[in-house]
Amino acid sequence: MNNKIEFMASIPQIQSAINTGNDGMRVKFDIPESDIGQAVRLIMLRGKAFKVTIEEVE
């Protein structure tokens, strides 16, 4: 089973998109409807640590 989750996303242009605090950082993503099937798999990772890789696309 492939545990890799991939989807397109962007950081919204709102002030609350990136928040920093004493315990780290919180980032919000906008995900297109076409990629929700993959992104919803993140729910299974709630409370777990995981690796994030960001790759810019044109």
N, C-alpha and C. Protein backbone atom coordinates (compact mmCIF):
# COMPACT_ATOMS: atom_id res chain seq x y z
N MET A 1 0.84 -1.18 0.00
CA MET A 1 0.00 0.00 0.00
C MET A 1 0.88 1.24 0.00
N ASN A 2 0.55 2.20 -0.86
CA ASN A 2 1.31 3.44 -0.95
C ASN A 2 0.81 4.43 0.10
N ASN A 3 1.67 4.81 1.02
CA ASN A 3 1.28 5.74 2.08
C ASN A 3 1.56 7.19 1.70
N LYS A 4 2.05 7.43 0.50
CA LYS A 4 2.37 8.77 0.06
C LYS A 4 1.08 9.52 -0.30
N ILE A 5 0.95 10.73 0.20
CA ILE A 5 -0.21 11.58 -0.09
C ILE A 5 0.31 12.78 -0.87
N GLU A 6 -0.19 12.99 -2.06
CA GLU A 6 0.22 14.13 -2.89
C GLU A 6 -1.00 14.88 -3.37
N PHE A 7 -0.93 16.21 -3.32
CA PHE A 7 -2.00 17.03 -3.85
C PHE A 7 -1.46 18.42 -4.12
N MET A 8 -2.12 19.15 -4.97
CA MET A 8 -1.76 20.53 -5.26
C MET A 8 -2.35 21.40 -4.15
N ALA A 9 -1.65 22.46 -3.79
CA ALA A 9 -2.14 23.37 -2.76
C ALA A 9 -1.46 24.71 -2.90
N SER A 10 -2.05 25.70 -2.28
CA SER A 10 -1.44 27.03 -2.21
C SER A 10 -1.74 27.60 -0.83
N ILE A 11 -0.94 28.58 -0.44
CA ILE A 11 -1.18 29.26 0.82
C ILE A 11 -2.06 30.47 0.50
N PRO A 12 -3.21 30.58 1.12
CA PRO A 12 -4.11 31.69 0.81
C PRO A 12 -3.51 33.04 1.19
N GLN A 13 -3.91 34.07 0.49
CA GLN A 13 -3.40 35.42 0.76
C GLN A 13 -4.26 36.09 1.83
N ILE A 14 -4.27 35.49 3.01
CA ILE A 14 -4.97 36.05 4.16
C ILE A 14 -3.97 36.13 5.31
N GLN A 15 -4.19 37.06 6.19
CA GLN A 15 -3.24 37.28 7.29
C GLN A 15 -3.09 36.05 8.19
N SER A 16 -4.15 35.30 8.36
CA SER A 16 -4.10 34.15 9.26
C SER A 16 -3.59 32.87 8.59
N ALA A 17 -3.07 32.95 7.37
CA ALA A 17 -2.60 31.76 6.66
C ALA A 17 -1.38 31.14 7.33
N ILE A 18 -0.49 31.97 7.87
CA ILE A 18 0.70 31.49 8.55
C ILE A 18 0.75 32.15 9.93
N ASN A 19 0.67 31.33 10.95
CA ASN A 19 0.70 31.83 12.33
C ASN A 19 1.91 31.23 13.04
N THR A 20 2.62 32.06 13.77
CA THR A 20 3.74 31.56 14.57
C THR A 20 3.42 31.75 16.04
N GLY A 21 3.95 30.86 16.83
CA GLY A 21 3.71 30.93 18.27
C GLY A 21 4.88 30.33 19.02
N ASN A 22 4.72 30.17 20.32
CA ASN A 22 5.78 29.62 21.16
C ASN A 22 6.07 28.16 20.86
N ASP A 23 5.09 27.44 20.34
CA ASP A 23 5.26 26.00 20.12
C ASP A 23 5.46 25.64 18.65
N GLY A 24 5.69 26.63 17.79
CA GLY A 24 5.96 26.33 16.38
C GLY A 24 5.17 27.21 15.44
N MET A 25 4.70 26.63 14.36
CA MET A 25 4.04 27.38 13.30
C MET A 25 2.83 26.59 12.81
N ARG A 26 1.78 27.30 12.41
CA ARG A 26 0.60 26.69 11.81
C ARG A 26 0.41 27.32 10.43
N VAL A 27 0.20 26.46 9.43
CA VAL A 27 0.03 26.92 8.05
C VAL A 27 -1.28 26.38 7.50
N LYS A 28 -2.05 27.24 6.85
CA LYS A 28 -3.30 26.83 6.20
C LYS A 28 -3.04 26.70 4.70
N PHE A 29 -3.69 25.72 4.08
CA PHE A 29 -3.56 25.50 2.63
C PHE A 29 -4.93 25.57 1.97
N ASP A 30 -4.95 26.12 0.77
CA ASP A 30 -6.11 26.01 -0.11
C ASP A 30 -5.84 24.83 -1.04
N ILE A 31 -6.79 23.92 -1.12
CA ILE A 31 -6.64 22.73 -1.94
C ILE A 31 -7.79 22.69 -2.95
N PRO A 32 -7.48 22.53 -4.24
CA PRO A 32 -8.56 22.52 -5.24
C PRO A 32 -9.44 21.28 -5.07
N GLU A 33 -10.66 21.41 -5.45
CA GLU A 33 -11.62 20.32 -5.32
C GLU A 33 -11.14 19.05 -6.03
N SER A 34 -10.41 19.22 -7.12
CA SER A 34 -9.91 18.06 -7.86
C SER A 34 -8.93 17.21 -7.05
N ASP A 35 -8.33 17.75 -5.98
CA ASP A 35 -7.35 17.03 -5.18
C ASP A 35 -7.84 16.67 -3.78
N ILE A 36 -9.11 16.92 -3.51
CA ILE A 36 -9.64 16.66 -2.17
C ILE A 36 -9.55 15.18 -1.82
N GLY A 37 -9.70 14.31 -2.78
CA GLY A 37 -9.62 12.86 -2.52
C GLY A 37 -8.31 12.47 -1.86
N GLN A 38 -7.22 13.06 -2.30
CA GLN A 38 -5.91 12.80 -1.69
C GLN A 38 -5.77 13.53 -0.36
N ALA A 39 -6.15 14.80 -0.35
CA ALA A 39 -5.96 15.63 0.84
C ALA A 39 -6.75 15.12 2.03
N VAL A 40 -7.92 14.55 1.80
CA VAL A 40 -8.74 14.06 2.91
C VAL A 40 -8.04 12.93 3.66
N ARG A 41 -7.08 12.29 3.02
CA ARG A 41 -6.32 11.22 3.68
C ARG A 41 -5.50 11.76 4.85
N LEU A 42 -5.30 13.08 4.90
CA LEU A 42 -4.58 13.68 6.02
C LEU A 42 -5.30 13.45 7.35
N ILE A 43 -6.59 13.26 7.28
CA ILE A 43 -7.37 13.02 8.50
C ILE A 43 -6.84 11.80 9.24
N MET A 44 -6.38 10.80 8.51
CA MET A 44 -5.86 9.58 9.14
C MET A 44 -4.54 9.84 9.87
N LEU A 45 -3.91 10.97 9.60
CA LEU A 45 -2.63 11.29 10.23
C LEU A 45 -2.77 12.21 11.43
N ARG A 46 -3.99 12.55 11.79
CA ARG A 46 -4.21 13.41 12.96
C ARG A 46 -3.53 12.85 14.19
N GLY A 47 -2.75 13.68 14.87
CA GLY A 47 -2.05 13.26 16.08
C GLY A 47 -0.77 12.50 15.82
N LYS A 48 -0.42 12.28 14.54
CA LYS A 48 0.80 11.56 14.18
C LYS A 48 1.80 12.52 13.56
N ALA A 49 3.06 12.20 13.69
CA ALA A 49 4.11 12.98 13.02
C ALA A 49 4.24 12.49 11.58
N PHE A 50 4.52 13.41 10.67
CA PHE A 50 4.75 13.04 9.28
C PHE A 50 5.69 14.04 8.64
N LYS A 51 6.29 13.66 7.53
CA LYS A 51 7.26 14.49 6.81
C LYS A 51 6.53 15.27 5.72
N VAL A 52 6.86 16.54 5.58
CA VAL A 52 6.27 17.39 4.55
C VAL A 52 7.38 17.84 3.60
N THR A 53 7.13 17.69 2.31
CA THR A 53 8.05 18.17 1.29
C THR A 53 7.29 19.14 0.40
N ILE A 54 7.84 20.32 0.18
CA ILE A 54 7.20 21.32 -0.66
C ILE A 54 8.01 21.48 -1.94
N GLU A 55 7.33 21.42 -3.08
CA GLU A 55 7.97 21.60 -4.39
C GLU A 55 7.16 22.63 -5.16
N GLU A 56 7.78 23.73 -5.51
CA GLU A 56 7.08 24.77 -6.26
C GLU A 56 6.82 24.31 -7.69
N VAL A 57 5.61 24.59 -8.19
CA VAL A 57 5.26 24.28 -9.58
C VAL A 57 4.84 25.55 -10.28
N GLU A 58 4.96 25.54 -11.57
CA GLU A 58 4.55 26.70 -12.38
C GLU A 58 3.06 26.68 -12.61
